[in-house]
Amino acid sequence: MKEEQLVFIVSQPRAGSTFLQNLLSNNQDVNTCSEPWILLHFANQFKSDLVTGKYNNVYANIAFKDYLSKHEKFEFKNHLKALLLKIYEPLSVDHKIVIDKTPRYWEILDEIVELFPSSKVIVLKRDPLDVVRSIIRTWNIKDFDDLSRYKRDIIIGPRRIHEFCIKHKENENVYQLKYEDLITDTKSVTNSLYKWLRIDFKDEYLDTKNNLKTKGLFGDPFQNENKFTVNQTKSKKLSSKFEKMLKGFYNHLGTSFLSDYGNYDKRGIDSKKSISFYYYLHLANANNLDPNYVSFFSKCKRLFATLYIRYFN
């Protein structure tokens, strides 16, 4: 399989990536599957700081790099690339294009472009606050401890995606779009993407109800649900603690960033600092953020925030 056949869809979770994947794969030219997470499985080979291990992954990588340094003629990167393309190959049989839709590839965007410079990357943005709302509603999040599992996606994801888009704004193999545009002008946006992918577009491709390629263990949990269930979930009202947290999140991102990211600053939200957001931001969760991120002083403030949330909020 050639790397030119490979297309990556990257976004935050709950940003519409399954919908986009459905639209782009609903034809004979494109094949895909439910989120395979293939590159994250090999992330230790090109971004080792994402991976932890009981055996001390830091030392393991130092040792491995030391081994490679003694065998410079062995082109490890090329062999890794060949292996990955071989893994994607079954999807390419009788198809021109293979789509890997794994939202959390935002963690390795630069590494993807470095490893597969001739592959295409579609970056899908959505209003970061709406992403949080969708995460809470879709996965039935009850408290900030549950929400902390998605801390990297929520706090780090938008800025990492934005930095990548700025860096690659002139890269013809990188396509940026907004979920809101995809929803409001589905036909036009989809048609433009088909042209960019150099495959023929037909209006019938917009009807994706019979497209089974995206069905699987991961992805949108409602892809197999009826419309009533979906609408009920979307209409669920958030609790006051989450609404307060979102005001603080808006303040944290700032109007300048939200404007640059996708004109998401015009919302009439009362932007202000929020103890609820501060409490969420500093929840101890070594699996999501660098534990050094929380200083001793911050831990003291977190204790105060915990007491405030427990007794006054």
C-alpha atoms as a PDB file:
ATOM      1  CA  MET A   1       0.000   0.000   0.000  1.00  0.00           C
ATOM      2  CA  LYS A   2       1.244   3.505  -0.852  1.00  0.00           C
ATOM      3  CA  GLU A   3       1.239   6.256   1.743  1.00  0.00           C
ATOM      4  CA  GLU A   4      -0.584   8.498  -0.759  1.00  0.00           C
ATOM      5  CA  GLN A   5      -3.649   6.300  -0.226  1.00  0.00           C
ATOM      6  CA  LEU A   6      -3.761   7.032   3.492  1.00  0.00           C
ATOM      7  CA  VAL A   7      -5.993   9.751   4.961  1.00  0.00           C
ATOM      8  CA  PHE A   8      -6.181  10.672   8.639  1.00  0.00           C
ATOM      9  CA  ILE A   9      -9.159  12.368  10.289  1.00  0.00           C
ATOM     10  CA  VAL A  10      -8.053  14.103  13.480  1.00  0.00           C
ATOM     11  CA  SER A  11     -10.094  16.042  16.030  1.00  0.00           C
ATOM     12  CA  GLN A  12     -11.049  16.229  19.660  1.00  0.00           C
ATOM     13  CA  PRO A  13     -13.453  13.484  20.777  1.00  0.00           C
ATOM     14  CA  ARG A  14     -17.115  14.461  20.236  1.00  0.00           C
ATOM     15  CA  ALA A  15     -16.222  16.875  17.435  1.00  0.00           C
ATOM     16  CA  GLY A  16     -18.147  15.167  14.620  1.00  0.00           C
ATOM     17  CA  SER A  17     -15.390  12.937  13.270  1.00  0.00           C
ATOM     18  CA  THR A  18     -17.638   9.866  12.893  1.00  0.00           C
ATOM     19  CA  PHE A  19     -20.158  11.917  10.903  1.00  0.00           C
ATOM     20  CA  LEU A  20     -17.382  13.153   8.621  1.00  0.00           C
ATOM     21  CA  GLN A  21     -15.942   9.653   8.288  1.00  0.00           C
ATOM     22  CA  ASN A  22     -19.372   8.365   7.298  1.00  0.00           C
ATOM     23  CA  LEU A  23     -19.743  10.979   4.571  1.00  0.00           C
ATOM     24  CA  LEU A  24     -16.297  10.382   3.099  1.00  0.00           C
ATOM     25  CA  SER A  25     -16.450   6.580   3.126  1.00  0.00           C
ATOM     26  CA  ASN A  26     -19.964   6.172   1.713  1.00  0.00           C
ATOM     27  CA  ASN A  27     -18.705   5.225  -1.757  1.00  0.00           C
ATOM     28  CA  GLN A  28     -16.745   2.538  -3.612  1.00  0.00           C
ATOM     29  CA  ASP A  29     -13.423   4.388  -3.612  1.00  0.00           C
ATOM     30  CA  VAL A  30     -12.892   4.765   0.133  1.00  0.00           C
ATOM     31  CA  ASN A  31     -12.568   2.180   2.870  1.00  0.00           C
ATOM     32  CA  THR A  32     -12.372   2.690   6.621  1.00  0.00           C
ATOM     33  CA  CYS A  33     -13.205   1.082   9.950  1.00  0.00           C
ATOM     34  CA  SER A  34     -14.205   2.084  13.448  1.00  0.00           C
ATOM     35  CA  GLU A  35     -11.390   3.923  15.250  1.00  0.00           C
ATOM     36  CA  PRO A  36      -8.360   1.585  14.976  1.00  0.00           C
ATOM     37  CA  TRP A  37      -5.895   3.625  17.108  1.00  0.00           C
ATOM     38  CA  ILE A  38      -3.098   1.991  15.076  1.00  0.00           C
ATOM     39  CA  LEU A  39      -0.518   4.748  15.366  1.00  0.00           C
ATOM     40  CA  LEU A  40      -1.142   5.206  19.087  1.00  0.00           C
ATOM     41  CA  HIS A  41      -0.337   1.525  19.523  1.00  0.00           C
ATOM     42  CA  PHE A  42       3.109   2.343  18.103  1.00  0.00           C
ATOM     43  CA  ALA A  43       3.412   5.791  19.696  1.00  0.00           C
ATOM     44  CA  ASN A  44       6.333   4.648  21.824  1.00  0.00           C
ATOM     45  CA  GLN A  45       8.447   4.520  18.665  1.00  0.00           C
ATOM     46  CA  PHE A  46       8.012   8.175  17.702  1.00  0.00           C
ATOM     47  CA  LYS A  47       6.684  10.016  20.782  1.00  0.00           C
ATOM     48  CA  SER A  48       7.753   8.027  23.802  1.00  0.00           C
ATOM     49  CA  ASP A  49       6.698  10.613  26.398  1.00  0.00           C
ATOM     50  CA  LEU A  50       3.069   9.643  25.736  1.00  0.00           C
ATOM     51  CA  VAL A  51       3.707   6.143  27.032  1.00  0.00           C
ATOM     52  CA  THR A  52       4.280   4.937  30.570  1.00  0.00           C
ATOM     53  CA  GLY A  53       5.315   1.473  31.686  1.00  0.00           C
ATOM     54  CA  LYS A  54       6.007  -0.445  34.879  1.00  0.00           C
ATOM     55  CA  TYR A  55       9.430  -1.280  33.467  1.00  0.00           C
ATOM     56  CA  ASN A  56      10.463   2.441  33.264  1.00  0.00           C
ATOM     57  CA  ASN A  57       9.737   3.487  29.696  1.00  0.00           C
ATOM     58  CA  VAL A  58      12.209   6.387  29.829  1.00  0.00           C
ATOM     59  CA  TYR A  59      15.158   4.052  30.322  1.00  0.00           C
ATOM     60  CA  ALA A  60      13.762   1.613  27.757  1.00  0.00           C
ATOM     61  CA  ASN A  61      13.780   4.326  25.095  1.00  0.00           C
ATOM     62  CA  ILE A  62      17.255   5.512  26.012  1.00  0.00           C
ATOM     63  CA  ALA A  63      18.511   1.947  25.666  1.00  0.00           C
ATOM     64  CA  PHE A  64      16.732   1.421  22.341  1.00  0.00           C
ATOM     65  CA  LYS A  65      18.055   4.670  20.872  1.00  0.00           C
ATOM     66  CA  ASP A  66      21.531   3.712  22.033  1.00  0.00           C
ATOM     67  CA  TYR A  67      21.172   0.414  20.170  1.00  0.00           C
ATOM     68  CA  LEU A  68      20.047   2.162  16.969  1.00  0.00           C
ATOM     69  CA  SER A  69      22.924   4.642  17.208  1.00  0.00           C
ATOM     70  CA  LYS A  70      25.351   1.739  16.880  1.00  0.00           C
ATOM     71  CA  HIS A  71      23.690   0.541  13.670  1.00  0.00           C
ATOM     72  CA  GLU A  72      23.249   3.683  11.611  1.00  0.00           C
ATOM     73  CA  LYS A  73      22.805   1.803   8.346  1.00  0.00           C
ATOM     74  CA  PHE A  74      19.668   0.188   9.733  1.00  0.00           C
ATOM     75  CA  GLU A  75      16.949   2.683   8.769  1.00  0.00           C
ATOM     76  CA  PHE A  76      14.506   2.046  11.582  1.00  0.00           C
ATOM     77  CA  LYS A  77      12.100   4.811  10.580  1.00  0.00           C
ATOM     78  CA  ASN A  78      11.685   3.374   7.082  1.00  0.00           C
ATOM     79  CA  HIS A  79      11.108  -0.115   8.451  1.00  0.00           C
ATOM     80  CA  LEU A  80       8.525   1.216  10.914  1.00  0.00           C
ATOM     81  CA  LYS A  81       6.767   3.067   8.120  1.00  0.00           C
ATOM     82  CA  ALA A  82       6.712  -0.065   5.949  1.00  0.00           C
ATOM     83  CA  LEU A  83       5.260  -2.077   8.829  1.00  0.00           C
ATOM     84  CA  LEU A  84       2.500   0.461   9.458  1.00  0.00           C
ATOM     85  CA  LEU A  85       1.537   0.593   5.780  1.00  0.00           C
ATOM     86  CA  LYS A  86       1.422  -3.207   5.807  1.00  0.00           C
ATOM     87  CA  ILE A  87      -0.997  -3.074   8.737  1.00  0.00           C
ATOM     88  CA  TYR A  88      -3.270  -0.682   6.818  1.00  0.00           C
ATOM     89  CA  GLU A  89      -3.019  -2.760   3.646  1.00  0.00           C
ATOM     90  CA  PRO A  90      -6.058  -5.057   4.215  1.00  0.00           C
ATOM     91  CA  LEU A  91      -8.286  -1.967   4.127  1.00  0.00           C
ATOM     92  CA  SER A  92      -6.852  -0.913   0.772  1.00  0.00           C
ATOM     93  CA  VAL A  93      -7.918  -4.016  -1.166  1.00  0.00           C
ATOM     94  CA  ASP A  94     -10.146  -2.845  -4.061  1.00  0.00           C
ATOM     95  CA  HIS A  95     -10.146   0.733  -2.721  1.00  0.00           C
ATOM     96  CA  LYS A  96      -8.240   3.868  -3.704  1.00  0.00           C
ATOM     97  CA  ILE A  97      -8.245   5.496  -0.270  1.00  0.00           C
ATOM     98  CA  VAL A  98      -8.008   4.278   3.323  1.00  0.00           C
ATOM     99  CA  ILE A  99      -9.239   6.507   6.154  1.00  0.00           C
ATOM    100  CA  ASP A 100      -7.933   6.157   9.689  1.00  0.00           C
ATOM    101  CA  LYS A 101     -10.277   8.161  11.896  1.00  0.00           C
ATOM    102  CA  THR A 102      -8.802   8.304  15.394  1.00  0.00           C
ATOM    103  CA  PRO A 103      -9.547  11.620  17.156  1.00  0.00           C
ATOM    104  CA  ARG A 104      -6.718  11.325  19.664  1.00  0.00           C
ATOM    105  CA  TYR A 105      -4.170  11.477  16.882  1.00  0.00           C
ATOM    106  CA  TRP A 106      -4.057  15.181  17.824  1.00  0.00           C
ATOM    107  CA  GLU A 107      -1.402  13.961  20.277  1.00  0.00           C
ATOM    108  CA  ILE A 108       0.879  12.964  17.375  1.00  0.00           C
ATOM    109  CA  LEU A 109      -0.069  15.310  14.526  1.00  0.00           C
ATOM    110  CA  ASP A 110       3.474  16.487  13.808  1.00  0.00           C
ATOM    111  CA  GLU A 111       4.753  12.925  13.975  1.00  0.00           C
ATOM    112  CA  ILE A 112       2.132  11.776  11.446  1.00  0.00           C
ATOM    113  CA  VAL A 113       3.211  14.406   8.928  1.00  0.00           C
ATOM    114  CA  GLU A 114       6.870  13.568   9.501  1.00  0.00           C
ATOM    115  CA  LEU A 115       6.324   9.821   9.079  1.00  0.00           C
ATOM    116  CA  PHE A 116       3.789  10.066   6.220  1.00  0.00           C
ATOM    117  CA  PRO A 117       4.510  13.342   4.366  1.00  0.00           C
ATOM    118  CA  SER A 118       2.561  12.215   1.291  1.00  0.00           C
ATOM    119  CA  SER A 119      -0.539  11.166   3.228  1.00  0.00           C
ATOM    120  CA  LYS A 120      -3.457  13.525   3.785  1.00  0.00           C
ATOM    121  CA  VAL A 121      -4.642  14.879   7.134  1.00  0.00           C
ATOM    122  CA  ILE A 122      -8.123  16.286   7.726  1.00  0.00           C
ATOM    123  CA  VAL A 123      -8.313  18.403  10.883  1.00  0.00           C
ATOM    124  CA  LEU A 124     -11.858  18.826  12.175  1.00  0.00           C
ATOM    125  CA  LYS A 125     -12.490  21.610  14.679  1.00  0.00           C
ATOM    126  CA  ARG A 126     -15.521  22.183  16.873  1.00  0.00           C
ATOM    127  CA  ASP A 127     -16.339  24.838  19.455  1.00  0.00           C
ATOM    128  CA  PRO A 128     -14.317  23.592  22.477  1.00  0.00           C
ATOM    129  CA  LEU A 129     -17.166  24.362  24.879  1.00  0.00           C
ATOM    130  CA  ASP A 130     -19.613  22.339  22.784  1.00  0.00           C
ATOM    131  CA  VAL A 131     -17.106  19.489  22.792  1.00  0.00           C
ATOM    132  CA  VAL A 132     -17.197  19.478  26.603  1.00  0.00           C
ATOM    133  CA  ARG A 133     -21.002  19.611  26.618  1.00  0.00           C
ATOM    134  CA  SER A 134     -21.157  16.675  24.231  1.00  0.00           C
ATOM    135  CA  ILE A 135     -18.674  14.650  26.299  1.00  0.00           C
ATOM    136  CA  ILE A 136     -20.728  15.227  29.459  1.00  0.00           C
ATOM    137  CA  ARG A 137     -24.038  14.353  27.818  1.00  0.00           C
ATOM    138  CA  THR A 138     -22.922  11.479  25.623  1.00  0.00           C
ATOM    139  CA  TRP A 139     -20.875   9.605  28.199  1.00  0.00           C
ATOM    140  CA  ASN A 140     -23.181  10.461  31.089  1.00  0.00           C
ATOM    141  CA  ILE A 141     -20.498  12.282  33.080  1.00  0.00           C
ATOM    142  CA  LYS A 142     -21.625  12.796  36.679  1.00  0.00           C
ATOM    143  CA  ASP A 143     -18.775  14.726  38.279  1.00  0.00           C
ATOM    144  CA  PHE A 144     -15.398  16.330  37.682  1.00  0.00           C
ATOM    145  CA  ASP A 145     -13.546  13.142  38.544  1.00  0.00           C
ATOM    146  CA  ASP A 146     -15.268  11.400  35.621  1.00  0.00           C
ATOM    147  CA  LEU A 147     -14.591  14.381  33.363  1.00  0.00           C
ATOM    148  CA  SER A 148     -10.912  14.405  34.334  1.00  0.00           C
ATOM    149  CA  ARG A 149     -10.409  11.306  32.169  1.00  0.00           C
ATOM    150  CA  TYR A 150     -10.757  13.622  29.170  1.00  0.00           C
ATOM    151  CA  LYS A 151      -8.594  16.412  30.583  1.00  0.00           C
ATOM    152  CA  ARG A 152      -5.922  16.222  27.893  1.00  0.00           C
ATOM    153  CA  ASP A 153      -8.556  16.213  25.147  1.00  0.00           C
ATOM    154  CA  ILE A 154     -10.327  19.216  26.676  1.00  0.00           C
ATOM    155  CA  ILE A 155      -7.467  21.379  27.950  1.00  0.00           C
ATOM    156  CA  ILE A 156      -4.541  20.551  25.673  1.00  0.00           C
ATOM    157  CA  GLY A 157      -6.302  19.328  22.518  1.00  0.00           C
ATOM    158  CA  PRO A 158      -7.607  22.640  21.092  1.00  0.00           C
ATOM    159  CA  ARG A 159      -4.283  24.456  21.429  1.00  0.00           C
ATOM    160  CA  ARG A 160      -2.297  21.556  19.993  1.00  0.00           C
ATOM    161  CA  ILE A 161      -4.696  21.347  17.038  1.00  0.00           C
ATOM    162  CA  HIS A 162      -4.528  25.112  16.517  1.00  0.00           C
ATOM    163  CA  GLU A 163      -0.719  25.145  16.579  1.00  0.00           C
ATOM    164  CA  PHE A 164      -0.640  22.378  13.991  1.00  0.00           C
ATOM    165  CA  CYS A 165      -3.096  24.204  11.718  1.00  0.00           C
ATOM    166  CA  ILE A 166      -1.032  27.390  11.835  1.00  0.00           C
ATOM    167  CA  LYS A 167       2.159  25.470  11.141  1.00  0.00           C
ATOM    168  CA  HIS A 168       0.658  23.643   8.153  1.00  0.00           C
ATOM    169  CA  LYS A 169      -1.679  26.274   6.704  1.00  0.00           C
ATOM    170  CA  GLU A 170       0.269  26.140   3.419  1.00  0.00           C
ATOM    171  CA  ASN A 171       0.531  22.338   3.370  1.00  0.00           C
ATOM    172  CA  GLU A 172      -1.606  21.064   0.485  1.00  0.00           C
ATOM    173  CA  ASN A 173      -1.968  17.707   2.222  1.00  0.00           C
ATOM    174  CA  VAL A 174      -3.622  19.240   5.291  1.00  0.00           C
ATOM    175  CA  TYR A 175      -7.311  20.202   5.123  1.00  0.00           C
ATOM    176  CA  GLN A 176      -8.933  22.203   7.909  1.00  0.00           C
ATOM    177  CA  LEU A 177     -12.667  22.472   8.487  1.00  0.00           C
ATOM    178  CA  LYS A 178     -15.210  23.233  11.192  1.00  0.00           C
ATOM    179  CA  TYR A 179     -17.899  20.862  12.412  1.00  0.00           C
ATOM    180  CA  GLU A 180     -20.398  23.735  12.392  1.00  0.00           C
ATOM    181  CA  ASP A 181     -19.819  24.301   8.649  1.00  0.00           C
ATOM    182  CA  LEU A 182     -20.116  20.582   7.968  1.00  0.00           C
ATOM    183  CA  ILE A 183     -23.506  20.511   9.711  1.00  0.00           C
ATOM    184  CA  THR A 184     -24.974  23.691   8.207  1.00  0.00           C
ATOM    185  CA  ASP A 185     -23.678  23.181   4.652  1.00  0.00           C
ATOM    186  CA  THR A 186     -23.112  19.439   4.446  1.00  0.00           C
ATOM    187  CA  LYS A 187     -23.362  19.036   0.688  1.00  0.00           C
ATOM    188  CA  SER A 188     -21.011  21.858  -0.254  1.00  0.00           C
ATOM    189  CA  VAL A 189     -18.379  21.003   2.364  1.00  0.00           C
ATOM    190  CA  THR A 190     -18.483  17.290   1.527  1.00  0.00           C
ATOM    191  CA  ASN A 191     -18.238  17.999  -2.194  1.00  0.00           C
ATOM    192  CA  SER A 192     -15.146  20.148  -1.595  1.00  0.00           C
ATOM    193  CA  LEU A 193     -13.539  17.353   0.395  1.00  0.00           C
ATOM    194  CA  TYR A 194     -14.243  14.813  -2.352  1.00  0.00           C
ATOM    195  CA  LYS A 195     -12.546  17.118  -4.861  1.00  0.00           C
ATOM    196  CA  TRP A 196      -9.565  17.475  -2.549  1.00  0.00           C
ATOM    197  CA  LEU A 197      -9.379  13.682  -2.262  1.00  0.00           C
ATOM    198  CA  ARG A 198      -9.728  13.452  -6.065  1.00  0.00           C
ATOM    199  CA  ILE A 199     -12.722  11.133  -6.046  1.00  0.00           C
ATOM    200  CA  ASP A 200     -16.128  11.621  -7.650  1.00  0.00           C
ATOM    201  CA  PHE A 201     -18.985  12.996  -5.569  1.00  0.00           C
ATOM    202  CA  LYS A 202     -22.668  12.096  -5.865  1.00  0.00           C
ATOM    203  CA  ASP A 203     -25.595  13.489  -3.886  1.00  0.00           C
ATOM    204  CA  GLU A 204     -26.565   9.965  -2.856  1.00  0.00           C
ATOM    205  CA  TYR A 205     -23.374   9.715  -0.785  1.00  0.00           C
ATOM    206  CA  LEU A 206     -24.941  12.133   1.717  1.00  0.00           C
ATOM    207  CA  ASP A 207     -27.400   9.438   2.800  1.00  0.00           C
ATOM    208  CA  THR A 208     -25.180   7.369   5.083  1.00  0.00           C
ATOM    209  CA  LYS A 209     -27.746   5.216   6.893  1.00  0.00           C
ATOM    210  CA  ASN A 210     -26.598   2.076   5.060  1.00  0.00           C
ATOM    211  CA  ASN A 211     -22.869   2.747   5.433  1.00  0.00           C
ATOM    212  CA  LEU A 212     -21.600   0.010   7.743  1.00  0.00           C
ATOM    213  CA  LYS A 213     -17.882   0.740   7.357  1.00  0.00           C
ATOM    214  CA  THR A 214     -17.706   2.951  10.456  1.00  0.00           C
ATOM    215  CA  LYS A 215     -19.533   0.560  12.790  1.00  0.00           C
ATOM    216  CA  GLY A 216     -17.434  -0.968  15.547  1.00  0.00           C
ATOM    217  CA  LEU A 217     -16.302  -0.910  19.142  1.00  0.00           C
ATOM    218  CA  PHE A 218     -15.026   2.681  19.160  1.00  0.00           C
ATOM    219  CA  GLY A 219     -16.381   5.892  17.683  1.00  0.00           C
ATOM    220  CA  ASP A 220     -19.714   7.630  18.172  1.00  0.00           C
ATOM    221  CA  PRO A 221     -21.668   5.535  20.722  1.00  0.00           C
ATOM    222  CA  PHE A 222     -24.923   6.608  19.071  1.00  0.00           C
ATOM    223  CA  GLN A 223     -24.068   5.457  15.562  1.00  0.00           C
ATOM    224  CA  ASN A 224     -26.253   2.397  16.125  1.00  0.00           C
ATOM    225  CA  GLU A 225     -28.969   4.157  18.171  1.00  0.00           C
ATOM    226  CA  ASN A 226     -32.329   5.499  17.063  1.00  0.00           C
ATOM    227  CA  LYS A 227     -32.956   9.237  16.658  1.00  0.00           C
ATOM    228  CA  PHE A 228     -35.093   9.417  19.806  1.00  0.00           C
ATOM    229  CA  THR A 229     -32.197   8.265  21.989  1.00  0.00           C
ATOM    230  CA  VAL A 230     -29.813  10.684  20.294  1.00  0.00           C
ATOM    231  CA  ASN A 231     -32.160  13.662  20.642  1.00  0.00           C
ATOM    232  CA  GLN A 232     -32.877  12.860  24.282  1.00  0.00           C
ATOM    233  CA  THR A 233     -29.174  12.883  25.037  1.00  0.00           C
ATOM    234  CA  LYS A 234     -28.503  16.115  23.136  1.00  0.00           C
ATOM    235  CA  SER A 235     -31.299  17.908  24.981  1.00  0.00           C
ATOM    236  CA  LYS A 236     -30.111  16.940  28.472  1.00  0.00           C
ATOM    237  CA  LYS A 237     -29.531  20.022  30.595  1.00  0.00           C
ATOM    238  CA  LEU A 238     -26.164  20.355  32.283  1.00  0.00           C
ATOM    239  CA  SER A 239     -25.968  20.766  36.046  1.00  0.00           C
ATOM    240  CA  SER A 240     -25.028  24.165  37.466  1.00  0.00           C
ATOM    241  CA  LYS A 241     -21.553  22.948  38.467  1.00  0.00           C
ATOM    242  CA  PHE A 242     -20.768  22.071  34.843  1.00  0.00           C
ATOM    243  CA  GLU A 243     -22.197  25.364  33.563  1.00  0.00           C
ATOM    244  CA  LYS A 244     -19.963  27.228  36.025  1.00  0.00           C
ATOM    245  CA  MET A 245     -17.027  25.118  34.933  1.00  0.00           C
ATOM    246  CA  LEU A 246     -17.697  26.042  31.283  1.00  0.00           C
ATOM    247  CA  LYS A 247     -17.668  29.761  32.114  1.00  0.00           C
ATOM    248  CA  GLY A 248     -14.264  29.279  33.685  1.00  0.00           C
ATOM    249  CA  PHE A 249     -13.110  27.244  30.683  1.00  0.00           C
ATOM    250  CA  TYR A 250     -14.201  30.058  28.367  1.00  0.00           C
ATOM    251  CA  ASN A 251     -12.160  32.471  30.472  1.00  0.00           C
ATOM    252  CA  HIS A 252      -9.200  30.074  30.433  1.00  0.00           C
ATOM    253  CA  LEU A 253      -9.191  29.790  26.634  1.00  0.00           C
ATOM    254  CA  GLY A 254      -9.717  33.520  26.134  1.00  0.00           C
ATOM    255  CA  THR A 255     -11.617  35.362  23.420  1.00  0.00           C
ATOM    256  CA  SER A 256      -8.482  35.899  21.327  1.00  0.00           C
ATOM    257  CA  PHE A 257      -7.756  32.172  21.062  1.00  0.00           C
ATOM    258  CA  LEU A 258     -11.407  31.266  20.467  1.00  0.00           C
ATOM    259  CA  SER A 259     -11.619  33.851  17.698  1.00  0.00           C
ATOM    260  CA  ASP A 260      -8.467  32.571  15.994  1.00  0.00           C
ATOM    261  CA  TYR A 261      -9.470  28.934  16.479  1.00  0.00           C
ATOM    262  CA  GLY A 262     -12.758  29.299  14.623  1.00  0.00           C
ATOM    263  CA  ASN A 263     -14.639  32.521  15.467  1.00  0.00           C
ATOM    264  CA  TYR A 264     -15.987  30.855  18.595  1.00  0.00           C
ATOM    265  CA  ASP A 265     -15.762  33.988  20.768  1.00  0.00           C
ATOM    266  CA  LYS A 266     -19.170  35.503  19.883  1.00  0.00           C
ATOM    267  CA  ARG A 267     -21.394  33.625  22.278  1.00  0.00           C
ATOM    268  CA  GLY A 268     -22.595  36.108  24.892  1.00  0.00           C
ATOM    269  CA  ILE A 269     -21.212  33.973  27.714  1.00  0.00           C
ATOM    270  CA  ASP A 270     -20.429  35.558  31.053  1.00  0.00           C
ATOM    271  CA  SER A 271     -16.713  34.825  30.960  1.00  0.00           C
ATOM    272  CA  LYS A 272     -15.195  34.783  34.414  1.00  0.00           C
ATOM    273  CA  LYS A 273     -12.848  32.802  36.595  1.00  0.00           C
ATOM    274  CA  SER A 274     -14.545  29.817  38.155  1.00  0.00           C
ATOM    275  CA  ILE A 275     -13.633  27.745  41.186  1.00  0.00           C
ATOM    276  CA  SER A 276     -15.442  24.850  39.535  1.00  0.00           C
ATOM    277  CA  PHE A 277     -13.116  25.055  36.533  1.00  0.00           C
ATOM    278  CA  TYR A 278     -10.086  25.559  38.758  1.00  0.00           C
ATOM    279  CA  TYR A 279     -11.052  22.445  40.709  1.00  0.00           C
ATOM    280  CA  TYR A 280     -11.384  20.481  37.478  1.00  0.00           C
ATOM    281  CA  LEU A 281      -8.134  21.807  36.038  1.00  0.00           C
ATOM    282  CA  HIS A 282      -6.078  20.773  39.040  1.00  0.00           C
ATOM    283  CA  LEU A 283      -7.548  17.375  39.757  1.00  0.00           C
ATOM    284  CA  ALA A 284      -4.624  15.037  40.362  1.00  0.00           C
ATOM    285  CA  ASN A 285      -4.565  12.705  37.391  1.00  0.00           C
ATOM    286  CA  ALA A 286      -1.066  11.629  36.399  1.00  0.00           C
ATOM    287  CA  ASN A 287      -2.389   9.696  33.417  1.00  0.00           C
ATOM    288  CA  ASN A 288      -3.731  12.832  31.757  1.00  0.00           C
ATOM    289  CA  LEU A 289      -1.401  15.697  32.577  1.00  0.00           C
ATOM    290  CA  ASP A 290       2.192  15.906  33.713  1.00  0.00           C
ATOM    291  CA  PRO A 291       2.093  15.599  37.527  1.00  0.00           C
ATOM    292  CA  ASN A 292       4.619  18.464  37.700  1.00  0.00           C
ATOM    293  CA  TYR A 293       1.859  20.655  36.266  1.00  0.00           C
ATOM    294  CA  VAL A 294       0.348  20.854  39.771  1.00  0.00           C
ATOM    295  CA  SER A 295       2.690  22.815  42.043  1.00  0.00           C
ATOM    296  CA  PHE A 296       2.652  22.658  45.837  1.00  0.00           C
ATOM    297  CA  PHE A 297       0.879  26.021  45.981  1.00  0.00           C
ATOM    298  CA  SER A 298      -1.663  24.774  43.479  1.00  0.00           C
ATOM    299  CA  LYS A 299      -2.277  21.694  45.599  1.00  0.00           C
ATOM    300  CA  CYS A 300      -3.067  23.950  48.561  1.00  0.00           C
ATOM    301  CA  LYS A 301      -5.501  25.928  46.432  1.00  0.00           C
ATOM    302  CA  ARG A 302      -6.988  22.681  45.178  1.00  0.00           C
ATOM    303  CA  LEU A 303      -7.667  21.623  48.780  1.00  0.00           C
ATOM    304  CA  PHE A 304      -9.562  24.869  49.315  1.00  0.00           C
ATOM    305  CA  ALA A 305     -11.464  24.340  46.067  1.00  0.00           C
ATOM    306  CA  THR A 306     -12.359  20.783  47.102  1.00  0.00           C
ATOM    307  CA  LEU A 307     -13.794  22.018  50.402  1.00  0.00           C
ATOM    308  CA  TYR A 308     -15.681  24.803  48.635  1.00  0.00           C
ATOM    309  CA  ILE A 309     -17.198  22.444  46.069  1.00  0.00           C
ATOM    310  CA  ARG A 310     -18.168  19.969  48.759  1.00  0.00           C
ATOM    311  CA  TYR A 311     -19.827  22.382  51.178  1.00  0.00           C
ATOM    312  CA  PHE A 312     -20.862  25.495  49.255  1.00  0.00           C
ATOM    313  CA  ASN A 313     -21.510  24.557  45.610  1.00  0.00           C
END
